[in-house]
PDB file of N, CA and C in Angstrom:
ATOM      1  N   UNK A   1       0.850  -1.185   0.000  1.00  0.00           N
ATOM      2  CA  UNK A   1       0.000   0.000   0.000  1.00  0.00           C
ATOM      3  C   UNK A   1       0.892   1.244   0.000  1.00  0.00           C
ATOM      4  N   UNK A   2       0.560   2.171  -0.840  1.00  0.00           N
ATOM      5  CA  UNK A   2       1.385   3.368  -0.962  1.00  0.00           C
ATOM      6  C   UNK A   2       1.072   4.361   0.167  1.00  0.00           C
ATOM      7  N   UNK A   3       1.946   5.326   0.270  1.00  0.00           N
ATOM      8  CA  UNK A   3       1.789   6.356   1.295  1.00  0.00           C
ATOM      9  C   UNK A   3       0.517   7.172   1.034  1.00  0.00           C
ATOM     10  N   UNK A   4       0.222   7.429  -0.246  1.00  0.00           N
ATOM     11  CA  UNK A   4      -0.957   8.207  -0.596  1.00  0.00           C
ATOM     12  C   UNK A   4      -2.240   7.493  -0.177  1.00  0.00           C
ATOM     13  N   UNK A   5      -2.297   6.184  -0.355  1.00  0.00           N
ATOM     14  CA  UNK A   5      -3.481   5.418   0.047  1.00  0.00           C
ATOM     15  C   UNK A   5      -3.674   5.477   1.558  1.00  0.00           C
ATOM     16  N   UNK A   6      -2.587   5.441   2.313  1.00  0.00           N
ATOM     17  CA  UNK A   6      -2.675   5.535   3.773  1.00  0.00           C
ATOM     18  C   UNK A   6      -3.261   6.878   4.183  1.00  0.00           C
ATOM     19  N   UNK A   7      -2.812   7.937   3.554  1.00  0.00           N
ATOM     20  CA  UNK A   7      -3.332   9.270   3.863  1.00  0.00           C
ATOM     21  C   UNK A   7      -4.819   9.343   3.511  1.00  0.00           C
ATOM     22  N   UNK A   8      -5.212   8.809   2.368  1.00  0.00           N
ATOM     23  CA  UNK A   8      -6.632   8.846   1.972  1.00  0.00           C
ATOM     24  C   UNK A   8      -7.493   8.070   2.949  1.00  0.00           C
ATOM     25  N   UNK A   9      -6.986   6.953   3.465  1.00  0.00           N
ATOM     26  CA  UNK A   9      -7.758   6.185   4.440  1.00  0.00           C
ATOM     27  C   UNK A   9      -7.985   6.981   5.718  1.00  0.00           C
ATOM     28  N   UNK A  10      -6.920   7.659   6.176  1.00  0.00           N
ATOM     29  CA  UNK A  10      -7.049   8.436   7.411  1.00  0.00           C
ATOM     30  C   UNK A  10      -8.041   9.569   7.234  1.00  0.00           C
ATOM     31  N   UNK A  11      -8.005  10.217   6.108  1.00  0.00           N
ATOM     32  CA  UNK A  11      -8.927  11.325   5.858  1.00  0.00           C
ATOM     33  C   UNK A  11     -10.361  10.799   5.784  1.00  0.00           C
ATOM     34  N   UNK A  12     -10.559   9.702   5.111  1.00  0.00           N
ATOM     35  CA  UNK A  12     -11.891   9.129   4.987  1.00  0.00           C
ATOM     36  C   UNK A  12     -12.409   8.686   6.355  1.00  0.00           C
ATOM     37  N   UNK A  13     -11.535   8.147   7.188  1.00  0.00           N
ATOM     38  CA  UNK A  13     -11.953   7.689   8.516  1.00  0.00           C
ATOM     39  C   UNK A  13     -12.403   8.874   9.364  1.00  0.00           C
ATOM     40  N   UNK A  14     -11.681   9.975   9.284  1.00  0.00           N
ATOM     41  CA  UNK A  14     -12.069  11.156  10.060  1.00  0.00           C
ATOM     42  C   UNK A  14     -13.390  11.729   9.570  1.00  0.00           C
ATOM     43  N   UNK A  15     -13.639  11.674   8.295  1.00  0.00           N
ATOM     44  CA  UNK A  15     -14.864  12.236   7.746  1.00  0.00           C
ATOM     45  C   UNK A  15     -16.085  11.408   8.135  1.00  0.00           C
ATOM     46  N   UNK A  16     -15.889  10.120   8.442  1.00  0.00           N
ATOM     47  CA  UNK A  16     -17.009   9.250   8.777  1.00  0.00           C
ATOM     48  C   UNK A  16     -17.477   9.398  10.224  1.00  0.00           C
ATOM     49  N   UNK A  17     -16.749  10.105  11.055  1.00  0.00           N
ATOM     50  CA  UNK A  17     -17.142  10.247  12.454  1.00  0.00           C
ATOM     51  C   UNK A  17     -18.395  11.115  12.533  1.00  0.00           C
ATOM     52  N   UNK A  18     -19.384  10.625  13.261  1.00  0.00           N
ATOM     53  CA  UNK A  18     -20.624  11.400  13.401  1.00  0.00           C
ATOM     54  C   UNK A  18     -20.592  12.177  14.716  1.00  0.00           C
ATOM     55  N   UNK A  19     -21.085  13.370  14.679  1.00  0.00           N
ATOM     56  CA  UNK A  19     -21.133  14.195  15.868  1.00  0.00           C
ATOM     57  C   UNK A  19     -19.824  14.917  16.147  1.00  0.00           C
ATOM     58  N   UNK A  20     -18.811  14.667  15.342  1.00  0.00           N
ATOM     59  CA  UNK A  20     -17.533  15.347  15.551  1.00  0.00           C
ATOM     60  C   UNK A  20     -17.619  16.749  14.962  1.00  0.00           C
ATOM     61  N   UNK A  21     -17.167  17.715  15.726  1.00  0.00           N
ATOM     62  CA  UNK A  21     -17.197  19.090  15.239  1.00  0.00           C
ATOM     63  C   UNK A  21     -15.793  19.482  14.808  1.00  0.00           C
ATOM     64  N   UNK A  22     -15.684  20.281  13.789  1.00  0.00           N
ATOM     65  CA  UNK A  22     -14.355  20.732  13.367  1.00  0.00           C
ATOM     66  C   UNK A  22     -13.778  21.665  14.420  1.00  0.00           C
ATOM     67  N   UNK A  23     -12.469  21.823  14.429  1.00  0.00           N
ATOM     68  CA  UNK A  23     -11.871  22.734  15.413  1.00  0.00           C
ATOM     69  C   UNK A  23     -12.328  24.165  15.150  1.00  0.00           C
ATOM     70  N   UNK A  24     -12.381  24.978  16.173  1.00  0.00           N
ATOM     71  CA  UNK A  24     -12.805  26.364  15.974  1.00  0.00           C
ATOM     72  C   UNK A  24     -11.795  27.116  15.117  1.00  0.00           C
ATOM     73  N   UNK A  25     -12.300  28.067  14.372  1.00  0.00           N
ATOM     74  CA  UNK A  25     -11.410  28.879  13.561  1.00  0.00           C
ATOM     75  C   UNK A  25     -11.527  30.322  13.993  1.00  0.00           C
ATOM     76  N   UNK A  26     -10.527  31.044  14.187  1.00  0.00           N
ATOM     77  CA  UNK A  26      -9.137  30.654  14.049  1.00  0.00           C
ATOM     78  C   UNK A  26      -8.629  29.934  15.289  1.00  0.00           C
ATOM     79  N   UNK A  27      -7.762  28.985  15.065  1.00  0.00           N
ATOM     80  CA  UNK A  27      -7.160  28.263  16.182  1.00  0.00           C
ATOM     81  C   UNK A  27      -6.003  29.091  16.729  1.00  0.00           C
ATOM     82  N   UNK A  28      -5.450  28.661  17.844  1.00  0.00           N
ATOM     83  CA  UNK A  28      -4.321  29.389  18.433  1.00  0.00           C
ATOM     84  C   UNK A  28      -3.118  29.373  17.502  1.00  0.00           C
ATOM     85  N   UNK A  29      -2.892  28.257  16.811  1.00  0.00           N
ATOM     86  CA  UNK A  29      -1.751  28.200  15.899  1.00  0.00           C
ATOM     87  C   UNK A  29      -1.929  29.192  14.752  1.00  0.00           C
ATOM     88  N   UNK A  30      -3.165  29.367  14.299  1.00  0.00           N
ATOM     89  CA  UNK A  30      -3.426  30.365  13.250  1.00  0.00           C
ATOM     90  C   UNK A  30      -3.142  31.767  13.779  1.00  0.00           C
ATOM     91  N   UNK A  31      -3.567  32.030  14.992  1.00  0.00           N
ATOM     92  CA  UNK A  31      -3.333  33.343  15.601  1.00  0.00           C
ATOM     93  C   UNK A  31      -1.842  33.624  15.731  1.00  0.00           C
ATOM     94  N   UNK A  32      -1.081  32.659  16.257  1.00  0.00           N
ATOM     95  CA  UNK A  32       0.357  32.866  16.429  1.00  0.00           C
ATOM     96  C   UNK A  32       1.071  32.961  15.090  1.00  0.00           C
ATOM     97  N   UNK A  33       0.614  32.228  14.089  1.00  0.00           N
ATOM     98  CA  UNK A  33       1.216  32.318  12.767  1.00  0.00           C
ATOM     99  C   UNK A  33       1.019  33.685  12.141  1.00  0.00           C
ATOM    100  N   UNK A  34      -0.197  34.207  12.229  1.00  0.00           N
ATOM    101  CA  UNK A  34      -0.474  35.526  11.689  1.00  0.00           C
ATOM    102  C   UNK A  34       0.308  36.591  12.462  1.00  0.00           C
ATOM    103  N   UNK A  35       0.401  36.448  13.778  1.00  0.00           N
ATOM    104  CA  UNK A  35       1.165  37.412  14.579  1.00  0.00           C
ATOM    105  C   UNK A  35       2.642  37.390  14.189  1.00  0.00           C
ATOM    106  N   UNK A  36       3.204  36.203  13.963  1.00  0.00           N
ATOM    107  CA  UNK A  36       4.607  36.105  13.571  1.00  0.00           C
ATOM    108  C   UNK A  36       4.840  36.745  12.205  1.00  0.00           C
ATOM    109  N   UNK A  37       3.932  36.525  11.283  1.00  0.00           N
ATOM    110  CA  UNK A  37       4.069  37.121   9.950  1.00  0.00           C
ATOM    111  C   UNK A  37       3.986  38.636  10.033  1.00  0.00           C
ATOM    112  N   UNK A  38       3.079  39.144  10.865  1.00  0.00           N
ATOM    113  CA  UNK A  38       2.952  40.597  10.991  1.00  0.00           C
ATOM    114  C   UNK A  38       4.189  41.208  11.632  1.00  0.00           C
ATOM    115  N   UNK A  39       4.805  40.519  12.585  1.00  0.00           N
ATOM    116  CA  UNK A  39       6.040  41.024  13.197  1.00  0.00           C
ATOM    117  C   UNK A  39       7.162  41.068  12.174  1.00  0.00           C
ATOM    118  N   UNK A  40       7.275  40.023  11.353  1.00  0.00           N
ATOM    119  CA  UNK A  40       8.314  40.000  10.320  1.00  0.00           C
ATOM    120  C   UNK A  40       8.094  41.130   9.317  1.00  0.00           C
ATOM    121  N   UNK A  41       6.854  41.339   8.899  1.00  0.00           N
ATOM    122  CA  UNK A  41       6.560  42.431   7.963  1.00  0.00           C
ATOM    123  C   UNK A  41       6.879  43.775   8.590  1.00  0.00           C
ATOM    124  N   UNK A  42       6.556  43.934   9.866  1.00  0.00           N
ATOM    125  CA  UNK A  42       6.845  45.189  10.558  1.00  0.00           C
ATOM    126  C   UNK A  42       8.350  45.429  10.629  1.00  0.00           C
ATOM    127  N   UNK A  43       9.124  44.377  10.939  1.00  0.00           N
ATOM    128  CA  UNK A  43      10.579  44.536  10.998  1.00  0.00           C
ATOM    129  C   UNK A  43      11.161  44.865   9.628  1.00  0.00           C
ATOM    130  N   UNK A  44      10.655  44.240   8.591  1.00  0.00           N
ATOM    131  CA  UNK A  44      11.144  44.540   7.250  1.00  0.00           C
ATOM    132  C   UNK A  44      10.770  45.954   6.827  1.00  0.00           C
ATOM    133  N   UNK A  45       9.583  46.403   7.202  1.00  0.00           N
ATOM    134  CA  UNK A  45       9.145  47.748   6.830  1.00  0.00           C
ATOM    135  C   UNK A  45       9.908  48.823   7.592  1.00  0.00           C
ATOM    136  N   UNK A  46      10.322  48.528   8.829  1.00  0.00           N
ATOM    137  CA  UNK A  46      11.051  49.526   9.618  1.00  0.00           C
ATOM    138  C   UNK A  46      12.482  49.671   9.148  1.00  0.00           C
ATOM    139  N   UNK A  47      12.985  48.725   8.377  1.00  0.00           N
ATOM    140  CA  UNK A  47      14.313  48.864   7.796  1.00  0.00           C
ATOM    141  C   UNK A  47      15.428  48.252   8.622  1.00  0.00           C
ATOM    142  N   UNK A  48      15.154  47.861   9.823  1.00  0.00           N
ATOM    143  CA  UNK A  48      16.160  47.269  10.706  1.00  0.00           C
ATOM    144  C   UNK A  48      17.470  48.064  10.710  1.00  0.00           C
ATOM    145  N   UNK A  49      17.453  49.336  11.120  1.00  0.00           N
ATOM    146  CA  UNK A  49      18.663  50.151  11.036  1.00  0.00           C
ATOM    147  C   UNK A  49      19.795  49.663  11.936  1.00  0.00           C
ATOM    148  N   UNK A  50      19.478  49.011  13.030  1.00  0.00           N
ATOM    149  CA  UNK A  50      20.522  48.572  13.947  1.00  0.00           C
ATOM    150  C   UNK A  50      21.213  47.299  13.478  1.00  0.00           C
ATOM    151  N   UNK A  51      20.720  46.647  12.446  1.00  0.00           N
ATOM    152  CA  UNK A  51      21.347  45.417  11.961  1.00  0.00           C
ATOM    153  C   UNK A  51      22.211  45.644  10.726  1.00  0.00           C
ATOM    154  N   UNK A  52      22.299  46.875  10.256  1.00  0.00           N
ATOM    155  CA  UNK A  52      23.130  47.143   9.093  1.00  0.00           C
ATOM    156  C   UNK A  52      24.598  47.069   9.470  1.00  0.00           C
ATOM    157  N   UNK A  53      25.436  46.648   8.548  1.00  0.00           N
ATOM    158  CA  UNK A  53      26.861  46.575   8.807  1.00  0.00           C
ATOM    159  C   UNK A  53      27.477  47.961   8.677  1.00  0.00           C
ATOM    160  N   UNK A  54      28.733  48.099   9.127  1.00  0.00           N
ATOM    161  CA  UNK A  54      29.423  49.378   9.037  1.00  0.00           C
ATOM    162  C   UNK A  54      29.666  49.759   7.583  1.00  0.00           C
ATOM    163  N   UNK A  55      29.759  48.788   6.703  1.00  0.00           N
ATOM    164  CA  UNK A  55      29.981  49.064   5.282  1.00  0.00           C
ATOM    165  C   UNK A  55      28.781  49.784   4.674  1.00  0.00           C
ATOM    166  N   UNK A  56      27.581  49.495   5.142  1.00  0.00           N
ATOM    167  CA  UNK A  56      26.372  50.113   4.594  1.00  0.00           C
ATOM    168  C   UNK A  56      26.175  51.553   5.046  1.00  0.00           C
ATOM    169  N   UNK A  57      26.808  51.942   6.137  1.00  0.00           N
ATOM    170  CA  UNK A  57      26.619  53.300   6.657  1.00  0.00           C
ATOM    171  C   UNK A  57      27.473  54.279   5.858  1.00  0.00           C
ATOM    172  N   UNK A  58      26.950  55.452   5.652  1.00  0.00           N
ATOM    173  CA  UNK A  58      27.683  56.437   4.865  1.00  0.00           C
ATOM    174  C   UNK A  58      28.798  57.060   5.698  1.00  0.00           C
ATOM    175  N   UNK A  59      29.838  57.478   5.011  1.00  0.00           N
ATOM    176  CA  UNK A  59      30.984  58.111   5.669  1.00  0.00           C
ATOM    177  C   UNK A  59      30.652  59.576   5.949  1.00  0.00           C
ATOM    178  N   UNK A  60      31.342  60.183   6.926  1.00  0.00           N
ATOM    179  CA  UNK A  60      31.126  61.605   7.188  1.00  0.00           C
ATOM    180  C   UNK A  60      31.531  62.440   5.973  1.00  0.00           C
ATOM    181  N   UNK A  61      30.915  63.608   5.830  1.00  0.00           N
ATOM    182  CA  UNK A  61      31.138  64.418   4.646  1.00  0.00           C
ATOM    183  C   UNK A  61      32.429  65.245   4.704  1.00  0.00           C
ATOM    184  N   UNK A  62      32.911  65.583   5.884  1.00  0.00           N
ATOM    185  CA  UNK A  62      34.136  66.395   5.944  1.00  0.00           C
ATOM    186  C   UNK A  62      35.005  65.949   7.111  1.00  0.00           C
ATOM    187  N   UNK A  63      36.179  66.535   7.220  1.00  0.00           N
ATOM    188  CA  UNK A  63      37.137  66.130   8.254  1.00  0.00           C
ATOM    189  C   UNK A  63      36.722  66.553   9.643  1.00  0.00           C
ATOM    190  N   UNK A  64      35.868  67.555   9.769  1.00  0.00           N
ATOM    191  CA  UNK A  64      35.429  68.007  11.090  1.00  0.00           C
ATOM    192  C   UNK A  64      34.626  66.896  11.770  1.00  0.00           C
ATOM    193  N   UNK A  65      33.821  66.190  10.990  1.00  0.00           N
ATOM    194  CA  UNK A  65      33.015  65.111  11.562  1.00  0.00           C
ATOM    195  C   UNK A  65      33.858  63.930  12.017  1.00  0.00           C
ATOM    196  N   UNK A  66      35.038  63.743  11.416  1.00  0.00           N
ATOM    197  CA  UNK A  66      35.855  62.589  11.776  1.00  0.00           C
ATOM    198  C   UNK A  66      36.713  62.858  12.995  1.00  0.00           C
ATOM    199  N   UNK A  67      36.903  64.106  13.356  1.00  0.00           N
ATOM    200  CA  UNK A  67      37.723  64.429  14.511  1.00  0.00           C
ATOM    201  C   UNK A  67      39.186  64.611  14.165  1.00  0.00           C
ATOM    202  N   UNK A  68      39.506  64.623  12.882  1.00  0.00           N
ATOM    203  CA  UNK A  68      40.902  64.787  12.467  1.00  0.00           C
ATOM    204  C   UNK A  68      41.322  66.248  12.628  1.00  0.00           C
ATOM    205  N   UNK A  69      42.573  66.445  12.971  1.00  0.00           N
ATOM    206  CA  UNK A  69      43.109  67.802  13.112  1.00  0.00           C
ATOM    207  C   UNK A  69      44.260  67.982  12.141  1.00  0.00           C
ATOM    208  N   UNK A  70      44.504  69.249  11.774  1.00  0.00           N
ATOM    209  CA  UNK A  70      45.606  69.542  10.847  1.00  0.00           C
ATOM    210  C   UNK A  70      46.830  69.970  11.607  1.00  0.00           C
TER     211      UNK A  70
END
């Protein structure tokens, strides 16, 4: 028996149960999944300025900003 047939049997067995109610929607896992996605989108939209490397930051425009003296 193939793996697909095993899955079809399990699905058919669950569908035959009488009086069984489906889980409420949204479930807690759905809530946490949506919250995680929204946090990731928020972090991407904010630009994550504190995670940029020193190479990405622009250099000062003149010598006064660097603290160099003549």
